[in-house]
Amino acid sequence: MPTISQFYGIKIILNPRDHNPPHFHVRYAEFEAAIRIADGQILAGFLPPKARGLTEEWRLIHQERLLESWDSMINFGKVIKIAGLDQ
């Protein structure tokens, strides 16, 4: 699964075998979660509050680009890298 962004120990990942609704995966330490792009709802898993807040801040900033990356992955098999909060 390609990592499309990384910041403060948080990895943002898209899975090319994923299904709708458009979502991304987050890994932070021993925690993992799947988060819907449209509204930031956690679909599965858990993130501690600090990681959850940083991930939500990143999602809000990059929501349009994140959807473009999802579409590119689904339609062409290629993801678009996105800057992290620390870049």
PDB file of N, CA and C in Angstrom:
ATOM      1  N   MET A   1       0.849  -1.178   0.000  1.00  0.00           N
ATOM      2  CA  MET A   1       0.000   0.000   0.000  1.00  0.00           C
ATOM      3  C   MET A   1       0.895   1.241   0.000  1.00  0.00           C
ATOM      4  N   PRO A   2       0.713   2.125  -0.976  1.00  0.00           N
ATOM      5  CA  PRO A   2       1.579   3.296  -1.068  1.00  0.00           C
ATOM      6  C   PRO A   2       1.286   4.355  -0.005  1.00  0.00           C
ATOM      7  N   THR A   3       2.365   4.859   0.584  1.00  0.00           N
ATOM      8  CA  THR A   3       2.269   5.981   1.509  1.00  0.00           C
ATOM      9  C   THR A   3       2.207   7.259   0.685  1.00  0.00           C
ATOM     10  N   ILE A   4       1.162   8.057   0.870  1.00  0.00           N
ATOM     11  CA  ILE A   4       1.038   9.291   0.093  1.00  0.00           C
ATOM     12  C   ILE A   4       1.472  10.520   0.880  1.00  0.00           C
ATOM     13  N   SER A   5       1.566  10.388   2.210  1.00  0.00           N
ATOM     14  CA  SER A   5       2.018  11.497   3.034  1.00  0.00           C
ATOM     15  C   SER A   5       2.520  10.950   4.366  1.00  0.00           C
ATOM     16  N   GLN A   6       3.388  11.723   4.989  1.00  0.00           N
ATOM     17  CA  GLN A   6       3.926  11.317   6.286  1.00  0.00           C
ATOM     18  C   GLN A   6       4.300  12.572   7.057  1.00  0.00           C
ATOM     19  N   PHE A   7       3.915  12.636   8.328  1.00  0.00           N
ATOM     20  CA  PHE A   7       4.226  13.789   9.161  1.00  0.00           C
ATOM     21  C   PHE A   7       4.064  13.411  10.628  1.00  0.00           C
ATOM     22  N   TYR A   8       4.983  13.880  11.460  1.00  0.00           N
ATOM     23  CA  TYR A   8       4.928  13.684  12.907  1.00  0.00           C
ATOM     24  C   TYR A   8       4.673  12.222  13.295  1.00  0.00           C
ATOM     25  N   GLY A   9       5.287  11.301  12.578  1.00  0.00           N
ATOM     26  CA  GLY A   9       5.123   9.879  12.876  1.00  0.00           C
ATOM     27  C   GLY A   9       3.838   9.267  12.350  1.00  0.00           C
ATOM     28  N   ILE A  10       3.042  10.040  11.629  1.00  0.00           N
ATOM     29  CA  ILE A  10       1.772   9.569  11.069  1.00  0.00           C
ATOM     30  C   ILE A  10       1.990   9.238   9.598  1.00  0.00           C
ATOM     31  N   LYS A  11       1.557   8.057   9.176  1.00  0.00           N
ATOM     32  CA  LYS A  11       1.621   7.668   7.767  1.00  0.00           C
ATOM     33  C   LYS A  11       0.215   7.653   7.196  1.00  0.00           C
ATOM     34  N   ILE A  12       0.046   8.285   6.032  1.00  0.00           N
ATOM     35  CA  ILE A  12      -1.223   8.286   5.310  1.00  0.00           C
ATOM     36  C   ILE A  12      -1.047   7.368   4.102  1.00  0.00           C
ATOM     37  N   ILE A  13      -1.925   6.388   3.988  1.00  0.00           N
ATOM     38  CA  ILE A  13      -1.766   5.318   3.000  1.00  0.00           C
ATOM     39  C   ILE A  13      -3.055   5.145   2.205  1.00  0.00           C
ATOM     40  N   LEU A  14      -2.903   4.890   0.906  1.00  0.00           N
ATOM     41  CA  LEU A  14      -4.033   4.481   0.074  1.00  0.00           C
ATOM     42  C   LEU A  14      -3.805   3.040  -0.346  1.00  0.00           C
ATOM     43  N   ASN A  15      -4.861   2.263  -0.334  1.00  0.00           N
ATOM     44  CA  ASN A  15      -4.789   0.854  -0.718  1.00  0.00           C
ATOM     45  C   ASN A  15      -5.410   0.693  -2.101  1.00  0.00           C
ATOM     46  N   PRO A  16      -4.619   0.264  -3.099  1.00  0.00           N
ATOM     47  CA  PRO A  16      -5.157   0.146  -4.459  1.00  0.00           C
ATOM     48  C   PRO A  16      -6.276  -0.879  -4.603  1.00  0.00           C
ATOM     49  N   ARG A  17      -6.455  -1.739  -3.643  1.00  0.00           N
ATOM     50  CA  ARG A  17      -7.527  -2.739  -3.706  1.00  0.00           C
ATOM     51  C   ARG A  17      -8.763  -2.293  -2.921  1.00  0.00           C
ATOM     52  N   ASP A  18      -8.772  -1.036  -2.505  1.00  0.00           N
ATOM     53  CA  ASP A  18      -9.876  -0.556  -1.670  1.00  0.00           C
ATOM     54  C   ASP A  18     -11.158  -0.328  -2.456  1.00  0.00           C
ATOM     55  N   HIS A  19     -12.192  -0.088  -1.733  1.00  0.00           N
ATOM     56  CA  HIS A  19     -13.554   0.030  -2.234  1.00  0.00           C
ATOM     57  C   HIS A  19     -14.122   1.374  -1.797  1.00  0.00           C
ATOM     58  N   ASN A  20     -15.289   1.729  -2.316  1.00  0.00           N
ATOM     59  CA  ASN A  20     -15.988   2.935  -1.872  1.00  0.00           C
ATOM     60  C   ASN A  20     -16.526   2.736  -0.467  1.00  0.00           C
ATOM     61  N   PRO A  21     -16.722   3.771   0.314  1.00  0.00           N
ATOM     62  CA  PRO A  21     -16.509   5.162  -0.023  1.00  0.00           C
ATOM     63  C   PRO A  21     -15.017   5.501  -0.043  1.00  0.00           C
ATOM     64  N   PRO A  22     -14.628   6.557  -0.786  1.00  0.00           N
ATOM     65  CA  PRO A  22     -13.221   6.955  -0.795  1.00  0.00           C
ATOM     66  C   PRO A  22     -12.720   7.197   0.627  1.00  0.00           C
ATOM     67  N   HIS A  23     -11.626   6.555   0.955  1.00  0.00           N
ATOM     68  CA  HIS A  23     -11.061   6.682   2.297  1.00  0.00           C
ATOM     69  C   HIS A  23      -9.558   6.451   2.245  1.00  0.00           C
ATOM     70  N   PHE A  24      -8.900   6.755   3.337  1.00  0.00           N
ATOM     71  CA  PHE A  24      -7.466   6.521   3.452  1.00  0.00           C
ATOM     72  C   PHE A  24      -7.191   5.815   4.764  1.00  0.00           C
ATOM     73  N   HIS A  25      -6.020   5.225   4.844  1.00  0.00           N
ATOM     74  CA  HIS A  25      -5.602   4.505   6.042  1.00  0.00           C
ATOM     75  C   HIS A  25      -4.534   5.324   6.748  1.00  0.00           C
ATOM     76  N   VAL A  26      -4.551   5.272   8.055  1.00  0.00           N
ATOM     77  CA  VAL A  26      -3.590   5.999   8.879  1.00  0.00           C
ATOM     78  C   VAL A  26      -2.897   5.003   9.793  1.00  0.00           C
ATOM     79  N   ARG A  27      -1.587   5.125   9.869  1.00  0.00           N
ATOM     80  CA  ARG A  27      -0.808   4.342  10.835  1.00  0.00           C
ATOM     81  C   ARG A  27      -0.036   5.315  11.712  1.00  0.00           C
ATOM     82  N   TYR A  28      -0.149   5.088  13.005  1.00  0.00           N
ATOM     83  CA  TYR A  28       0.569   5.897  13.978  1.00  0.00           C
ATOM     84  C   TYR A  28       0.933   4.984  15.141  1.00  0.00           C
ATOM     85  N   ALA A  29       2.244   4.800  15.362  1.00  0.00           N
ATOM     86  CA  ALA A  29       2.717   3.857  16.385  1.00  0.00           C
ATOM     87  C   ALA A  29       2.018   2.520  16.180  1.00  0.00           C
ATOM     88  N   GLU A  30       1.361   2.000  17.203  1.00  0.00           N
ATOM     89  CA  GLU A  30       0.680   0.700  17.072  1.00  0.00           C
ATOM     90  C   GLU A  30      -0.780   0.844  16.646  1.00  0.00           C
ATOM     91  N   PHE A  31      -1.195   2.064  16.321  1.00  0.00           N
ATOM     92  CA  PHE A  31      -2.597   2.320  15.986  1.00  0.00           C
ATOM     93  C   PHE A  31      -2.810   2.401  14.477  1.00  0.00           C
ATOM     94  N   GLU A  32      -3.998   1.990  14.048  1.00  0.00           N
ATOM     95  CA  GLU A  32      -4.392   2.088  12.644  1.00  0.00           C
ATOM     96  C   GLU A  32      -5.859   2.478  12.564  1.00  0.00           C
ATOM     97  N   ALA A  33      -6.196   3.218  11.510  1.00  0.00           N
ATOM     98  CA  ALA A  33      -7.592   3.592  11.281  1.00  0.00           C
ATOM     99  C   ALA A  33      -7.821   3.806   9.791  1.00  0.00           C
ATOM    100  N   ALA A  34      -9.057   3.606   9.371  1.00  0.00           N
ATOM    101  CA  ALA A  34      -9.506   3.954   8.021  1.00  0.00           C
ATOM    102  C   ALA A  34     -10.438   5.149   8.172  1.00  0.00           C
ATOM    103  N   ILE A  35     -10.194   6.203   7.381  1.00  0.00           N
ATOM    104  CA  ILE A  35     -10.935   7.458   7.532  1.00  0.00           C
ATOM    105  C   ILE A  35     -11.553   7.871   6.199  1.00  0.00           C
ATOM    106  N   ARG A  36     -12.842   8.170   6.227  1.00  0.00           N
ATOM    107  CA  ARG A  36     -13.543   8.603   5.018  1.00  0.00           C
ATOM    108  C   ARG A  36     -13.079  10.005   4.629  1.00  0.00           C
ATOM    109  N   ILE A  37     -12.764  10.179   3.346  1.00  0.00           N
ATOM    110  CA  ILE A  37     -12.261  11.457   2.855  1.00  0.00           C
ATOM    111  C   ILE A  37     -13.315  12.556   2.973  1.00  0.00           C
ATOM    112  N   ALA A  38     -14.545  12.267   2.656  1.00  0.00           N
ATOM    113  CA  ALA A  38     -15.599  13.287   2.588  1.00  0.00           C
ATOM    114  C   ALA A  38     -15.841  14.018   3.901  1.00  0.00           C
ATOM    115  N   ASP A  39     -15.846  13.289   5.011  1.00  0.00           N
ATOM    116  CA  ASP A  39     -16.225  13.919   6.283  1.00  0.00           C
ATOM    117  C   ASP A  39     -15.305  13.597   7.459  1.00  0.00           C
ATOM    118  N   GLY A  40     -14.261  12.813   7.229  1.00  0.00           N
ATOM    119  CA  GLY A  40     -13.316  12.503   8.293  1.00  0.00           C
ATOM    120  C   GLY A  40     -13.779  11.461   9.284  1.00  0.00           C
ATOM    121  N   GLN A  41     -14.894  10.813   9.018  1.00  0.00           N
ATOM    122  CA  GLN A  41     -15.396   9.780   9.930  1.00  0.00           C
ATOM    123  C   GLN A  41     -14.455   8.582   9.933  1.00  0.00           C
ATOM    124  N   ILE A  42     -14.164   8.070  11.135  1.00  0.00           N
ATOM    125  CA  ILE A  42     -13.378   6.842  11.248  1.00  0.00           C
ATOM    126  C   ILE A  42     -14.286   5.675  10.904  1.00  0.00           C
ATOM    127  N   LEU A  43     -13.911   4.938   9.866  1.00  0.00           N
ATOM    128  CA  LEU A  43     -14.689   3.788   9.415  1.00  0.00           C
ATOM    129  C   LEU A  43     -14.296   2.521  10.159  1.00  0.00           C
ATOM    130  N   ALA A  44     -13.036   2.454  10.561  1.00  0.00           N
ATOM    131  CA  ALA A  44     -12.528   1.288  11.292  1.00  0.00           C
ATOM    132  C   ALA A  44     -11.275   1.706  12.039  1.00  0.00           C
ATOM    133  N   GLY A  45     -11.014   1.062  13.152  1.00  0.00           N
ATOM    134  CA  GLY A  45      -9.793   1.301  13.896  1.00  0.00           C
ATOM    135  C   GLY A  45      -9.906   2.432  14.903  1.00  0.00           C
ATOM    136  N   PHE A  46      -8.738   2.894  15.366  1.00  0.00           N
ATOM    137  CA  PHE A  46      -8.665   3.908  16.415  1.00  0.00           C
ATOM    138  C   PHE A  46      -7.363   4.677  16.276  1.00  0.00           C
ATOM    139  N   LEU A  47      -7.417   5.976  16.563  1.00  0.00           N
ATOM    140  CA  LEU A  47      -6.229   6.813  16.679  1.00  0.00           C
ATOM    141  C   LEU A  47      -6.310   7.574  17.990  1.00  0.00           C
ATOM    142  N   PRO A  48      -5.178   7.754  18.685  1.00  0.00           N
ATOM    143  CA  PRO A  48      -5.195   8.582  19.886  1.00  0.00           C
ATOM    144  C   PRO A  48      -5.569  10.025  19.518  1.00  0.00           C
ATOM    145  N   PRO A  49      -6.107  10.785  20.460  1.00  0.00           N
ATOM    146  CA  PRO A  49      -6.612  12.133  20.169  1.00  0.00           C
ATOM    147  C   PRO A  49      -5.626  13.050  19.436  1.00  0.00           C
ATOM    148  N   LYS A  50      -4.365  13.076  19.835  1.00  0.00           N
ATOM    149  CA  LYS A  50      -3.401  13.965  19.177  1.00  0.00           C
ATOM    150  C   LYS A  50      -3.220  13.581  17.714  1.00  0.00           C
ATOM    151  N   ALA A  51      -3.023  12.300  17.435  1.00  0.00           N
ATOM    152  CA  ALA A  51      -2.863  11.833  16.052  1.00  0.00           C
ATOM    153  C   ALA A  51      -4.147  12.056  15.266  1.00  0.00           C
ATOM    154  N   ARG A  52      -5.278  11.862  15.898  1.00  0.00           N
ATOM    155  CA  ARG A  52      -6.574  12.071  15.242  1.00  0.00           C
ATOM    156  C   ARG A  52      -6.741  13.534  14.851  1.00  0.00           C
ATOM    157  N   GLY A  53      -6.383  14.432  15.746  1.00  0.00           N
ATOM    158  CA  GLY A  53      -6.490  15.862  15.461  1.00  0.00           C
ATOM    159  C   GLY A  53      -5.576  16.309  14.328  1.00  0.00           C
ATOM    160  N   LEU A  54      -4.332  15.838  14.336  1.00  0.00           N
ATOM    161  CA  LEU A  54      -3.393  16.181  13.267  1.00  0.00           C
ATOM    162  C   LEU A  54      -3.855  15.616  11.929  1.00  0.00           C
ATOM    163  N   THR A  55      -4.368  14.394  11.953  1.00  0.00           N
ATOM    164  CA  THR A  55      -4.866  13.767  10.728  1.00  0.00           C
ATOM    165  C   THR A  55      -6.058  14.538  10.179  1.00  0.00           C
ATOM    166  N   GLU A  56      -6.946  14.977  11.042  1.00  0.00           N
ATOM    167  CA  GLU A  56      -8.117  15.738  10.602  1.00  0.00           C
ATOM    168  C   GLU A  56      -7.703  17.101  10.051  1.00  0.00           C
ATOM    169  N   GLU A  57      -6.754  17.742  10.683  1.00  0.00           N
ATOM    170  CA  GLU A  57      -6.247  19.021  10.173  1.00  0.00           C
ATOM    171  C   GLU A  57      -5.680  18.831   8.765  1.00  0.00           C
ATOM    172  N   TRP A  58      -4.878  17.775   8.579  1.00  0.00           N
ATOM    173  CA  TRP A  58      -4.295  17.464   7.266  1.00  0.00           C
ATOM    174  C   TRP A  58      -5.393  17.173   6.245  1.00  0.00           C
ATOM    175  N   ARG A  59      -6.400  16.377   6.630  1.00  0.00           N
ATOM    176  CA  ARG A  59      -7.493  16.022   5.710  1.00  0.00           C
ATOM    177  C   ARG A  59      -8.237  17.270   5.237  1.00  0.00           C
ATOM    178  N   LEU A  60      -8.519  18.179   6.146  1.00  0.00           N
ATOM    179  CA  LEU A  60      -9.239  19.400   5.781  1.00  0.00           C
ATOM    180  C   LEU A  60      -8.437  20.269   4.813  1.00  0.00           C
ATOM    181  N   ILE A  61      -7.149  20.375   5.040  1.00  0.00           N
ATOM    182  CA  ILE A  61      -6.284  21.170   4.165  1.00  0.00           C
ATOM    183  C   ILE A  61      -6.197  20.554   2.771  1.00  0.00           C
ATOM    184  N   HIS A  62      -6.098  19.229   2.712  1.00  0.00           N
ATOM    185  CA  HIS A  62      -5.789  18.541   1.455  1.00  0.00           C
ATOM    186  C   HIS A  62      -6.943  17.708   0.903  1.00  0.00           C
ATOM    187  N   GLN A  63      -8.163  17.976   1.320  1.00  0.00           N
ATOM    188  CA  GLN A  63      -9.291  17.124   0.935  1.00  0.00           C
ATOM    189  C   GLN A  63      -9.444  16.995  -0.584  1.00  0.00           C
ATOM    190  N   GLU A  64      -9.355  18.088  -1.310  1.00  0.00           N
ATOM    191  CA  GLU A  64      -9.511  18.030  -2.768  1.00  0.00           C
ATOM    192  C   GLU A  64      -8.395  17.202  -3.406  1.00  0.00           C
ATOM    193  N   ARG A  65      -7.165  17.447  -2.980  1.00  0.00           N
ATOM    194  CA  ARG A  65      -6.017  16.698  -3.520  1.00  0.00           C
ATOM    195  C   ARG A  65      -6.112  15.230  -3.132  1.00  0.00           C
ATOM    196  N   LEU A  66      -6.602  14.952  -1.965  1.00  0.00           N
ATOM    197  CA  LEU A  66      -6.772  13.578  -1.501  1.00  0.00           C
ATOM    198  C   LEU A  66      -7.767  12.829  -2.381  1.00  0.00           C
ATOM    199  N   LEU A  67      -8.857  13.474  -2.747  1.00  0.00           N
ATOM    200  CA  LEU A  67      -9.824  12.857  -3.662  1.00  0.00           C
ATOM    201  C   LEU A  67      -9.217  12.643  -5.045  1.00  0.00           C
ATOM    202  N   GLU A  68      -8.385  13.583  -5.498  1.00  0.00           N
ATOM    203  CA  GLU A  68      -7.690  13.412  -6.779  1.00  0.00           C
ATOM    204  C   GLU A  68      -6.766  12.203  -6.722  1.00  0.00           C
ATOM    205  N   SER A  69      -6.066  12.029  -5.615  1.00  0.00           N
ATOM    206  CA  SER A  69      -5.172  10.882  -5.463  1.00  0.00           C
ATOM    207  C   SER A  69      -5.962   9.581  -5.454  1.00  0.00           C
ATOM    208  N   TRP A  70      -7.095   9.565  -4.743  1.00  0.00           N
ATOM    209  CA  TRP A  70      -7.967   8.379  -4.717  1.00  0.00           C
ATOM    210  C   TRP A  70      -8.417   8.028  -6.140  1.00  0.00           C
ATOM    211  N   ASP A  71      -8.922   9.030  -6.880  1.00  0.00           N
ATOM    212  CA  ASP A  71      -9.393   8.800  -8.249  1.00  0.00           C
ATOM    213  C   ASP A  71      -8.270   8.306  -9.150  1.00  0.00           C
ATOM    214  N   SER A  72      -7.093   8.892  -9.024  1.00  0.00           N
ATOM    215  CA  SER A  72      -5.947   8.469  -9.822  1.00  0.00           C
ATOM    216  C   SER A  72      -5.574   7.024  -9.518  1.00  0.00           C
ATOM    217  N   MET A  73      -5.625   6.658  -8.248  1.00  0.00           N
ATOM    218  CA  MET A  73      -5.302   5.285  -7.853  1.00  0.00           C
ATOM    219  C   MET A  73      -6.324   4.309  -8.425  1.00  0.00           C
ATOM    220  N   ILE A  74      -7.603   4.621  -8.296  1.00  0.00           N
ATOM    221  CA  ILE A  74      -8.658   3.727  -8.767  1.00  0.00           C
ATOM    222  C   ILE A  74      -8.638   3.608 -10.288  1.00  0.00           C
ATOM    223  N   ASN A  75      -8.465   4.731 -10.996  1.00  0.00           N
ATOM    224  CA  ASN A  75      -8.561   4.741 -12.453  1.00  0.00           C
ATOM    225  C   ASN A  75      -7.268   4.413 -13.185  1.00  0.00           C
ATOM    226  N   PHE A  76      -6.119   4.765 -12.596  1.00  0.00           N
ATOM    227  CA  PHE A  76      -4.851   4.608 -13.301  1.00  0.00           C
ATOM    228  C   PHE A  76      -3.809   3.810 -12.528  1.00  0.00           C
ATOM    229  N   GLY A  77      -4.125   3.434 -11.287  1.00  0.00           N
ATOM    230  CA  GLY A  77      -3.183   2.662 -10.484  1.00  0.00           C
ATOM    231  C   GLY A  77      -2.018   3.469  -9.947  1.00  0.00           C
ATOM    232  N   LYS A  78      -2.128   4.805  -9.972  1.00  0.00           N
ATOM    233  CA  LYS A  78      -1.047   5.664  -9.489  1.00  0.00           C
ATOM    234  C   LYS A  78      -1.595   6.646  -8.462  1.00  0.00           C
ATOM    235  N   VAL A  79      -0.865   6.797  -7.369  1.00  0.00           N
ATOM    236  CA  VAL A  79      -1.278   7.755  -6.345  1.00  0.00           C
ATOM    237  C   VAL A  79      -0.542   9.070  -6.535  1.00  0.00           C
ATOM    238  N   ILE A  80      -1.105  10.115  -5.987  1.00  0.00           N
ATOM    239  CA  ILE A  80      -0.485  11.433  -5.990  1.00  0.00           C
ATOM    240  C   ILE A  80       0.007  11.692  -4.572  1.00  0.00           C
ATOM    241  N   LYS A  81       1.294  11.983  -4.430  1.00  0.00           N
ATOM    242  CA  LYS A  81       1.850  12.299  -3.112  1.00  0.00           C
ATOM    243  C   LYS A  81       1.337  13.664  -2.657  1.00  0.00           C
ATOM    244  N   ILE A  82       1.158  13.802  -1.344  1.00  0.00           N
ATOM    245  CA  ILE A  82       0.629  15.035  -0.767  1.00  0.00           C
ATOM    246  C   ILE A  82       1.536  15.456   0.389  1.00  0.00           C
ATOM    247  N   ALA A  83       1.830  16.736   0.472  1.00  0.00           N
ATOM    248  CA  ALA A  83       2.700  17.248   1.532  1.00  0.00           C
ATOM    249  C   ALA A  83       2.103  16.981   2.907  1.00  0.00           C
ATOM    250  N   GLY A  84       2.981  16.776   3.867  1.00  0.00           N
ATOM    251  CA  GLY A  84       2.554  16.599   5.247  1.00  0.00           C
ATOM    252  C   GLY A  84       2.389  17.944   5.942  1.00  0.00           C
ATOM    253  N   LEU A  85       1.919  17.926   7.172  1.00  0.00           N
ATOM    254  CA  LEU A  85       1.753  19.161   7.939  1.00  0.00           C
ATOM    255  C   LEU A  85       3.087  19.811   8.280  1.00  0.00           C
ATOM    256  N   ASP A  86       4.152  19.026   8.296  1.00  0.00           N
ATOM    257  CA  ASP A  86       5.463  19.539   8.677  1.00  0.00           C
ATOM    258  C   ASP A  86       6.300  19.967   7.474  1.00  0.00           C
ATOM    259  N   GLN A  87       5.689  20.056   6.312  1.00  0.00           N
ATOM    260  CA  GLN A  87       6.448  20.431   5.105  1.00  0.00           C
ATOM    261  C   GLN A  87       6.011  21.771   4.588  1.00  0.00           C
TER     262      GLN A  87
END
